[in-house]
Amino acid sequence: MMAHRLGPPLPAWIDAVDSSQPPGLTGFALHLLRDLDAVMAGLTLHYGSGGAEAVVNRIKKIKRQLYGRAGFELLRKMLVLQ
């Protein structure tokens, strides 16, 4: 389902898991219902947050390198220069 971006069969899968009650999957399937629209969008749309995650990861790496050495101004300069 996830590899082929098949979102429409998800509600049927949740119903099947709910009826068969396998341990471990029941709670997971029922928690998917809390935000079914977001889960369906994640399974059907081809958009990703990879670019934003890469920028956040780079900023966190620079912050770890500068921890305890300088204030916000040096961090800002490092982000602009890299």
PDB file of N, CA and C in Angstrom:
ATOM      1  N   MET A   1       0.828  -1.178   0.000  1.00  0.00           N
ATOM      2  CA  MET A   1       0.000   0.000   0.000  1.00  0.00           C
ATOM      3  C   MET A   1       0.878   1.249   0.000  1.00  0.00           C
ATOM      4  N   MET A   2       1.925   1.266   0.807  1.00  0.00           N
ATOM      5  CA  MET A   2       2.765   2.447   0.907  1.00  0.00           C
ATOM      6  C   MET A   2       3.716   2.558  -0.283  1.00  0.00           C
ATOM      7  N   ALA A   3       4.249   1.452  -0.752  1.00  0.00           N
ATOM      8  CA  ALA A   3       5.216   1.502  -1.841  1.00  0.00           C
ATOM      9  C   ALA A   3       4.577   1.940  -3.152  1.00  0.00           C
ATOM     10  N   HIS A   4       3.318   1.598  -3.346  1.00  0.00           N
ATOM     11  CA  HIS A   4       2.635   1.922  -4.604  1.00  0.00           C
ATOM     12  C   HIS A   4       1.660   3.080  -4.465  1.00  0.00           C
ATOM     13  N   ARG A   5       1.677   3.764  -3.315  1.00  0.00           N
ATOM     14  CA  ARG A   5       0.802   4.913  -3.046  1.00  0.00           C
ATOM     15  C   ARG A   5      -0.664   4.577  -3.288  1.00  0.00           C
ATOM     16  N   LEU A   6      -1.126   3.536  -2.636  1.00  0.00           N
ATOM     17  CA  LEU A   6      -2.518   3.111  -2.753  1.00  0.00           C
ATOM     18  C   LEU A   6      -3.291   3.546  -1.509  1.00  0.00           C
ATOM     19  N   GLY A   7      -3.872   4.718  -1.546  1.00  0.00           N
ATOM     20  CA  GLY A   7      -4.626   5.229  -0.412  1.00  0.00           C
ATOM     21  C   GLY A   7      -6.056   4.753  -0.338  1.00  0.00           C
ATOM     22  N   PRO A   8      -6.769   4.621  -1.475  1.00  0.00           N
ATOM     23  CA  PRO A   8      -8.196   4.251  -1.406  1.00  0.00           C
ATOM     24  C   PRO A   8      -8.507   2.942  -0.682  1.00  0.00           C
ATOM     25  N   PRO A   9      -7.670   1.892  -0.746  1.00  0.00           N
ATOM     26  CA  PRO A   9      -8.021   0.667  -0.002  1.00  0.00           C
ATOM     27  C   PRO A   9      -7.791   0.752   1.510  1.00  0.00           C
ATOM     28  N   LEU A  10      -7.300   1.875   2.007  1.00  0.00           N
ATOM     29  CA  LEU A  10      -6.982   1.988   3.433  1.00  0.00           C
ATOM     30  C   LEU A  10      -8.193   1.787   4.344  1.00  0.00           C
ATOM     31  N   PRO A  11      -9.350   2.427   4.098  1.00  0.00           N
ATOM     32  CA  PRO A  11     -10.494   2.187   4.995  1.00  0.00           C
ATOM     33  C   PRO A  11     -10.926   0.714   5.038  1.00  0.00           C
ATOM     34  N   ALA A  12     -10.851   0.023   3.908  1.00  0.00           N
ATOM     35  CA  ALA A  12     -11.194  -1.409   3.901  1.00  0.00           C
ATOM     36  C   ALA A  12     -10.181  -2.201   4.716  1.00  0.00           C
ATOM     37  N   TRP A  13      -8.904  -1.826   4.636  1.00  0.00           N
ATOM     38  CA  TRP A  13      -7.871  -2.511   5.425  1.00  0.00           C
ATOM     39  C   TRP A  13      -8.101  -2.274   6.911  1.00  0.00           C
ATOM     40  N   ILE A  14      -8.456  -1.046   7.285  1.00  0.00           N
ATOM     41  CA  ILE A  14      -8.716  -0.740   8.688  1.00  0.00           C
ATOM     42  C   ILE A  14      -9.906  -1.551   9.190  1.00  0.00           C
ATOM     43  N   ASP A  15     -10.961  -1.672   8.384  1.00  0.00           N
ATOM     44  CA  ASP A  15     -12.124  -2.475   8.769  1.00  0.00           C
ATOM     45  C   ASP A  15     -11.753  -3.939   8.924  1.00  0.00           C
ATOM     46  N   ALA A  16     -10.912  -4.463   8.023  1.00  0.00           N
ATOM     47  CA  ALA A  16     -10.490  -5.870   8.111  1.00  0.00           C
ATOM     48  C   ALA A  16      -9.670  -6.113   9.371  1.00  0.00           C
ATOM     49  N   VAL A  17      -8.786  -5.180   9.703  1.00  0.00           N
ATOM     50  CA  VAL A  17      -7.978  -5.323  10.918  1.00  0.00           C
ATOM     51  C   VAL A  17      -8.875  -5.241  12.149  1.00  0.00           C
ATOM     52  N   ASP A  18      -9.842  -4.341  12.113  1.00  0.00           N
ATOM     53  CA  ASP A  18     -10.751  -4.186  13.255  1.00  0.00           C
ATOM     54  C   ASP A  18     -11.600  -5.432  13.459  1.00  0.00           C
ATOM     55  N   SER A  19     -11.991  -6.083  12.386  1.00  0.00           N
ATOM     56  CA  SER A  19     -12.832  -7.280  12.532  1.00  0.00           C
ATOM     57  C   SER A  19     -12.027  -8.502  12.942  1.00  0.00           C
ATOM     58  N   SER A  20     -10.770  -8.616  12.491  1.00  0.00           N
ATOM     59  CA  SER A  20      -9.983  -9.810  12.831  1.00  0.00           C
ATOM     60  C   SER A  20      -9.241  -9.674  14.157  1.00  0.00           C
ATOM     61  N   GLN A  21      -9.040  -8.437  14.644  1.00  0.00           N
ATOM     62  CA  GLN A  21      -8.424  -8.160  15.946  1.00  0.00           C
ATOM     63  C   GLN A  21      -7.033  -8.783  16.139  1.00  0.00           C
ATOM     64  N   PRO A  22      -6.096  -8.613  15.190  1.00  0.00           N
ATOM     65  CA  PRO A  22      -4.741  -9.127  15.443  1.00  0.00           C
ATOM     66  C   PRO A  22      -4.047  -8.260  16.485  1.00  0.00           C
ATOM     67  N   PRO A  23      -3.300  -8.859  17.400  1.00  0.00           N
ATOM     68  CA  PRO A  23      -2.636  -8.061  18.434  1.00  0.00           C
ATOM     69  C   PRO A  23      -1.568  -7.158  17.819  1.00  0.00           C
ATOM     70  N   GLY A  24      -1.539  -5.936  18.256  1.00  0.00           N
ATOM     71  CA  GLY A  24      -0.547  -4.992  17.766  1.00  0.00           C
ATOM     72  C   GLY A  24      -1.038  -4.135  16.615  1.00  0.00           C
ATOM     73  N   LEU A  25      -1.786  -4.707  15.705  1.00  0.00           N
ATOM     74  CA  LEU A  25      -2.277  -3.940  14.559  1.00  0.00           C
ATOM     75  C   LEU A  25      -3.590  -3.227  14.838  1.00  0.00           C
ATOM     76  N   THR A  26      -4.349  -3.718  15.777  1.00  0.00           N
ATOM     77  CA  THR A  26      -5.666  -3.136  16.045  1.00  0.00           C
ATOM     78  C   THR A  26      -5.533  -1.692  16.512  1.00  0.00           C
ATOM     79  N   GLY A  27      -4.681  -1.451  17.475  1.00  0.00           N
ATOM     80  CA  GLY A  27      -4.493  -0.090  17.979  1.00  0.00           C
ATOM     81  C   GLY A  27      -3.920   0.832  16.920  1.00  0.00           C
ATOM     82  N   PHE A  28      -2.980   0.323  16.133  1.00  0.00           N
ATOM     83  CA  PHE A  28      -2.392   1.121  15.067  1.00  0.00           C
ATOM     84  C   PHE A  28      -3.449   1.521  14.040  1.00  0.00           C
ATOM     85  N   ALA A  29      -4.257   0.568  13.626  1.00  0.00           N
ATOM     86  CA  ALA A  29      -5.283   0.844  12.622  1.00  0.00           C
ATOM     87  C   ALA A  29      -6.313   1.839  13.139  1.00  0.00           C
ATOM     88  N   LEU A  30      -6.699   1.702  14.392  1.00  0.00           N
ATOM     89  CA  LEU A  30      -7.695   2.617  14.937  1.00  0.00           C
ATOM     90  C   LEU A  30      -7.131   4.021  15.139  1.00  0.00           C
ATOM     91  N   HIS A  31      -5.832   4.126  15.409  1.00  0.00           N
ATOM     92  CA  HIS A  31      -5.218   5.447  15.535  1.00  0.00           C
ATOM     93  C   HIS A  31      -5.095   6.128  14.169  1.00  0.00           C
ATOM     94  N   LEU A  32      -5.033   5.355  13.098  1.00  0.00           N
ATOM     95  CA  LEU A  32      -5.017   5.958  11.767  1.00  0.00           C
ATOM     96  C   LEU A  32      -6.323   6.697  11.476  1.00  0.00           C
ATOM     97  N   LEU A  33      -7.401   6.254  12.093  1.00  0.00           N
ATOM     98  CA  LEU A  33      -8.693   6.895  11.870  1.00  0.00           C
ATOM     99  C   LEU A  33      -8.761   8.297  12.459  1.00  0.00           C
ATOM    100  N   ARG A  34      -7.900   8.606  13.417  1.00  0.00           N
ATOM    101  CA  ARG A  34      -7.925   9.934  14.044  1.00  0.00           C
ATOM    102  C   ARG A  34      -7.687  11.037  13.018  1.00  0.00           C
ATOM    103  N   ASP A  35      -6.790  10.795  12.090  1.00  0.00           N
ATOM    104  CA  ASP A  35      -6.493  11.793  11.062  1.00  0.00           C
ATOM    105  C   ASP A  35      -6.435  11.101   9.706  1.00  0.00           C
ATOM    106  N   LEU A  36      -7.541  10.520   9.333  1.00  0.00           N
ATOM    107  CA  LEU A  36      -7.605   9.729   8.112  1.00  0.00           C
ATOM    108  C   LEU A  36      -7.305  10.569   6.873  1.00  0.00           C
ATOM    109  N   ASP A  37      -7.728  11.822   6.857  1.00  0.00           N
ATOM    110  CA  ASP A  37      -7.465  12.671   5.688  1.00  0.00           C
ATOM    111  C   ASP A  37      -5.969  12.855   5.455  1.00  0.00           C
ATOM    112  N   ALA A  38      -5.215  13.084   6.516  1.00  0.00           N
ATOM    113  CA  ALA A  38      -3.771  13.267   6.380  1.00  0.00           C
ATOM    114  C   ALA A  38      -3.090  11.978   5.944  1.00  0.00           C
ATOM    115  N   VAL A  39      -3.537  10.852   6.478  1.00  0.00           N
ATOM    116  CA  VAL A  39      -2.949   9.567   6.101  1.00  0.00           C
ATOM    117  C   VAL A  39      -3.246   9.267   4.634  1.00  0.00           C
ATOM    118  N   MET A  40      -4.473   9.536   4.201  1.00  0.00           N
ATOM    119  CA  MET A  40      -4.839   9.317   2.802  1.00  0.00           C
ATOM    120  C   MET A  40      -4.015  10.228   1.880  1.00  0.00           C
ATOM    121  N   ALA A  41      -3.815  11.471   2.282  1.00  0.00           N
ATOM    122  CA  ALA A  41      -3.010  12.381   1.474  1.00  0.00           C
ATOM    123  C   ALA A  41      -1.571  11.894   1.381  1.00  0.00           C
ATOM    124  N   GLY A  42      -1.036  11.384   2.485  1.00  0.00           N
ATOM    125  CA  GLY A  42       0.315  10.855   2.466  1.00  0.00           C
ATOM    126  C   GLY A  42       0.467   9.620   1.603  1.00  0.00           C
ATOM    127  N   LEU A  43      -0.601   8.857   1.483  1.00  0.00           N
ATOM    128  CA  LEU A  43      -0.546   7.639   0.665  1.00  0.00           C
ATOM    129  C   LEU A  43      -0.874   7.881  -0.803  1.00  0.00           C
ATOM    130  N   THR A  44      -1.464   9.017  -1.140  1.00  0.00           N
ATOM    131  CA  THR A  44      -1.870   9.227  -2.528  1.00  0.00           C
ATOM    132  C   THR A  44      -1.091  10.331  -3.233  1.00  0.00           C
ATOM    133  N   LEU A  45      -0.709  11.385  -2.533  1.00  0.00           N
ATOM    134  CA  LEU A  45      -0.035  12.507  -3.181  1.00  0.00           C
ATOM    135  C   LEU A  45       1.450  12.224  -3.369  1.00  0.00           C
ATOM    136  N   HIS A  46       2.019  12.837  -4.368  1.00  0.00           N
ATOM    137  CA  HIS A  46       3.432  12.621  -4.676  1.00  0.00           C
ATOM    138  C   HIS A  46       4.329  13.709  -4.079  1.00  0.00           C
ATOM    139  N   TYR A  47       3.759  14.540  -3.225  1.00  0.00           N
ATOM    140  CA  TYR A  47       4.543  15.585  -2.582  1.00  0.00           C
ATOM    141  C   TYR A  47       5.282  15.003  -1.394  1.00  0.00           C
ATOM    142  N   GLY A  48       6.423  15.597  -1.090  1.00  0.00           N
ATOM    143  CA  GLY A  48       7.189  15.155   0.063  1.00  0.00           C
ATOM    144  C   GLY A  48       7.801  16.340   0.784  1.00  0.00           C
ATOM    145  N   SER A  49       8.264  16.108   1.978  1.00  0.00           N
ATOM    146  CA  SER A  49       8.881  17.164   2.774  1.00  0.00           C
ATOM    147  C   SER A  49      10.389  16.981   2.843  1.00  0.00           C
ATOM    148  N   GLY A  50      10.952  16.298   1.865  1.00  0.00           N
ATOM    149  CA  GLY A  50      12.383  16.017   1.885  1.00  0.00           C
ATOM    150  C   GLY A  50      13.243  17.255   1.854  1.00  0.00           C
ATOM    151  N   GLY A  51      12.863  18.245   1.038  1.00  0.00           N
ATOM    152  CA  GLY A  51      13.654  19.476   0.955  1.00  0.00           C
ATOM    153  C   GLY A  51      13.679  20.234   2.256  1.00  0.00           C
ATOM    154  N   ALA A  52      12.516  20.372   2.874  1.00  0.00           N
ATOM    155  CA  ALA A  52      12.439  21.078   4.150  1.00  0.00           C
ATOM    156  C   ALA A  52      13.176  20.316   5.241  1.00  0.00           C
ATOM    157  N   GLU A  53      13.068  19.001   5.236  1.00  0.00           N
ATOM    158  CA  GLU A  53      13.773  18.196   6.234  1.00  0.00           C
ATOM    159  C   GLU A  53      15.281  18.329   6.082  1.00  0.00           C
ATOM    160  N   ALA A  54      15.765  18.443   4.854  1.00  0.00           N
ATOM    161  CA  ALA A  54      17.202  18.588   4.629  1.00  0.00           C
ATOM    162  C   ALA A  54      17.708  19.912   5.190  1.00  0.00           C
ATOM    163  N   VAL A  55      16.937  20.979   4.999  1.00  0.00           N
ATOM    164  CA  VAL A  55      17.342  22.286   5.519  1.00  0.00           C
ATOM    165  C   VAL A  55      17.351  22.270   7.045  1.00  0.00           C
ATOM    166  N   VAL A  56      16.323  21.687   7.646  1.00  0.00           N
ATOM    167  CA  VAL A  56      16.257  21.617   9.111  1.00  0.00           C
ATOM    168  C   VAL A  56      17.418  20.788   9.648  1.00  0.00           C
ATOM    169  N   ASN A  57      17.738  19.683   8.975  1.00  0.00           N
ATOM    170  CA  ASN A  57      18.841  18.828   9.408  1.00  0.00           C
ATOM    171  C   ASN A  57      20.167  19.590   9.337  1.00  0.00           C
ATOM    172  N   ARG A  58      20.362  20.386   8.289  1.00  0.00           N
ATOM    173  CA  ARG A  58      21.584  21.171   8.152  1.00  0.00           C
ATOM    174  C   ARG A  58      21.689  22.213   9.259  1.00  0.00           C
ATOM    175  N   ILE A  59      20.591  22.891   9.573  1.00  0.00           N
ATOM    176  CA  ILE A  59      20.600  23.896  10.631  1.00  0.00           C
ATOM    177  C   ILE A  59      20.907  23.260  11.981  1.00  0.00           C
ATOM    178  N   LYS A  60      20.311  22.120  12.256  1.00  0.00           N
ATOM    179  CA  LYS A  60      20.569  21.437  13.528  1.00  0.00           C
ATOM    180  C   LYS A  60      22.017  20.993  13.638  1.00  0.00           C
ATOM    181  N   LYS A  61      22.600  20.548  12.516  1.00  0.00           N
ATOM    182  CA  LYS A  61      24.004  20.137  12.539  1.00  0.00           C
ATOM    183  C   LYS A  61      24.904  21.321  12.882  1.00  0.00           C
ATOM    184  N   ILE A  62      24.639  22.472  12.284  1.00  0.00           N
ATOM    185  CA  ILE A  62      25.441  23.664  12.567  1.00  0.00           C
ATOM    186  C   ILE A  62      25.252  24.096  14.013  1.00  0.00           C
ATOM    187  N   LYS A  63      24.029  24.027  14.526  1.00  0.00           N
ATOM    188  CA  LYS A  63      23.788  24.387  15.928  1.00  0.00           C
ATOM    189  C   LYS A  63      24.572  23.480  16.870  1.00  0.00           C
ATOM    190  N   ARG A  64      24.626  22.183  16.567  1.00  0.00           N
ATOM    191  CA  ARG A  64      25.388  21.261  17.417  1.00  0.00           C
ATOM    192  C   ARG A  64      26.873  21.591  17.383  1.00  0.00           C
ATOM    193  N   GLN A  65      27.377  21.967  16.211  1.00  0.00           N
ATOM    194  CA  GLN A  65      28.793  22.306  16.095  1.00  0.00           C
ATOM    195  C   GLN A  65      29.132  23.563  16.887  1.00  0.00           C
ATOM    196  N   LEU A  66      28.204  24.504  16.969  1.00  0.00           N
ATOM    197  CA  LEU A  66      28.475  25.781  17.635  1.00  0.00           C
ATOM    198  C   LEU A  66      27.994  25.818  19.078  1.00  0.00           C
ATOM    199  N   TYR A  67      27.496  24.718  19.605  1.00  0.00           N
ATOM    200  CA  TYR A  67      26.915  24.722  20.945  1.00  0.00           C
ATOM    201  C   TYR A  67      27.936  25.200  21.978  1.00  0.00           C
ATOM    202  N   GLY A  68      27.574  26.217  22.756  1.00  0.00           N
ATOM    203  CA  GLY A  68      28.419  26.724  23.825  1.00  0.00           C
ATOM    204  C   GLY A  68      29.527  27.640  23.373  1.00  0.00           C
ATOM    205  N   ARG A  69      29.670  27.879  22.082  1.00  0.00           N
ATOM    206  CA  ARG A  69      30.786  28.683  21.584  1.00  0.00           C
ATOM    207  C   ARG A  69      30.405  30.124  21.301  1.00  0.00           C
ATOM    208  N   ALA A  70      29.196  30.327  20.811  1.00  0.00           N
ATOM    209  CA  ALA A  70      28.841  31.676  20.387  1.00  0.00           C
ATOM    210  C   ALA A  70      27.337  31.864  20.457  1.00  0.00           C
ATOM    211  N   GLY A  71      26.912  33.073  20.183  1.00  0.00           N
ATOM    212  CA  GLY A  71      25.498  33.404  20.246  1.00  0.00           C
ATOM    213  C   GLY A  71      24.812  33.288  18.893  1.00  0.00           C
ATOM    214  N   PHE A  72      23.683  33.931  18.828  1.00  0.00           N
ATOM    215  CA  PHE A  72      22.829  33.840  17.656  1.00  0.00           C
ATOM    216  C   PHE A  72      23.480  34.463  16.417  1.00  0.00           C
ATOM    217  N   GLU A  73      24.258  35.539  16.595  1.00  0.00           N
ATOM    218  CA  GLU A  73      24.851  36.216  15.438  1.00  0.00           C
ATOM    219  C   GLU A  73      25.808  35.304  14.678  1.00  0.00           C
ATOM    220  N   LEU A  74      26.643  34.543  15.393  1.00  0.00           N
ATOM    221  CA  LEU A  74      27.557  33.627  14.713  1.00  0.00           C
ATOM    222  C   LEU A  74      26.787  32.502  14.037  1.00  0.00           C
ATOM    223  N   LEU A  75      25.751  32.013  14.697  1.00  0.00           N
ATOM    224  CA  LEU A  75      24.919  30.974  14.085  1.00  0.00           C
ATOM    225  C   LEU A  75      24.303  31.493  12.793  1.00  0.00           C
ATOM    226  N   ARG A  76      23.807  32.722  12.815  1.00  0.00           N
ATOM    227  CA  ARG A  76      23.196  33.320  11.627  1.00  0.00           C
ATOM    228  C   ARG A  76      24.233  33.434  10.506  1.00  0.00           C
ATOM    229  N   LYS A  77      25.438  33.871  10.828  1.00  0.00           N
ATOM    230  CA  LYS A  77      26.494  34.001   9.806  1.00  0.00           C
ATOM    231  C   LYS A  77      26.864  32.639   9.226  1.00  0.00           C
ATOM    232  N   MET A  78      26.934  31.632  10.063  1.00  0.00           N
ATOM    233  CA  MET A  78      27.262  30.287   9.588  1.00  0.00           C
ATOM    234  C   MET A  78      26.194  29.764   8.642  1.00  0.00           C
ATOM    235  N   LEU A  79      24.931  30.044   8.967  1.00  0.00           N
ATOM    236  CA  LEU A  79      23.836  29.576   8.099  1.00  0.00           C
ATOM    237  C   LEU A  79      23.859  30.288   6.756  1.00  0.00           C
ATOM    238  N   VAL A  80      24.187  31.576   6.759  1.00  0.00           N
ATOM    239  CA  VAL A  80      24.221  32.317   5.516  1.00  0.00           C
ATOM    240  C   VAL A  80      25.403  31.892   4.653  1.00  0.00           C
ATOM    241  N   LEU A  81      26.530  31.607   5.284  1.00  0.00           N
ATOM    242  CA  LEU A  81      27.731  31.254   4.527  1.00  0.00           C
ATOM    243  C   LEU A  81      27.693  29.834   3.963  1.00  0.00           C
ATOM    244  N   GLN A  82      26.977  28.938   4.598  1.00  0.00           N
ATOM    245  CA  GLN A  82      26.988  27.546   4.118  1.00  0.00           C
ATOM    246  C   GLN A  82      25.862  27.283   3.185  1.00  0.00           C
TER     247      GLN A  82
END
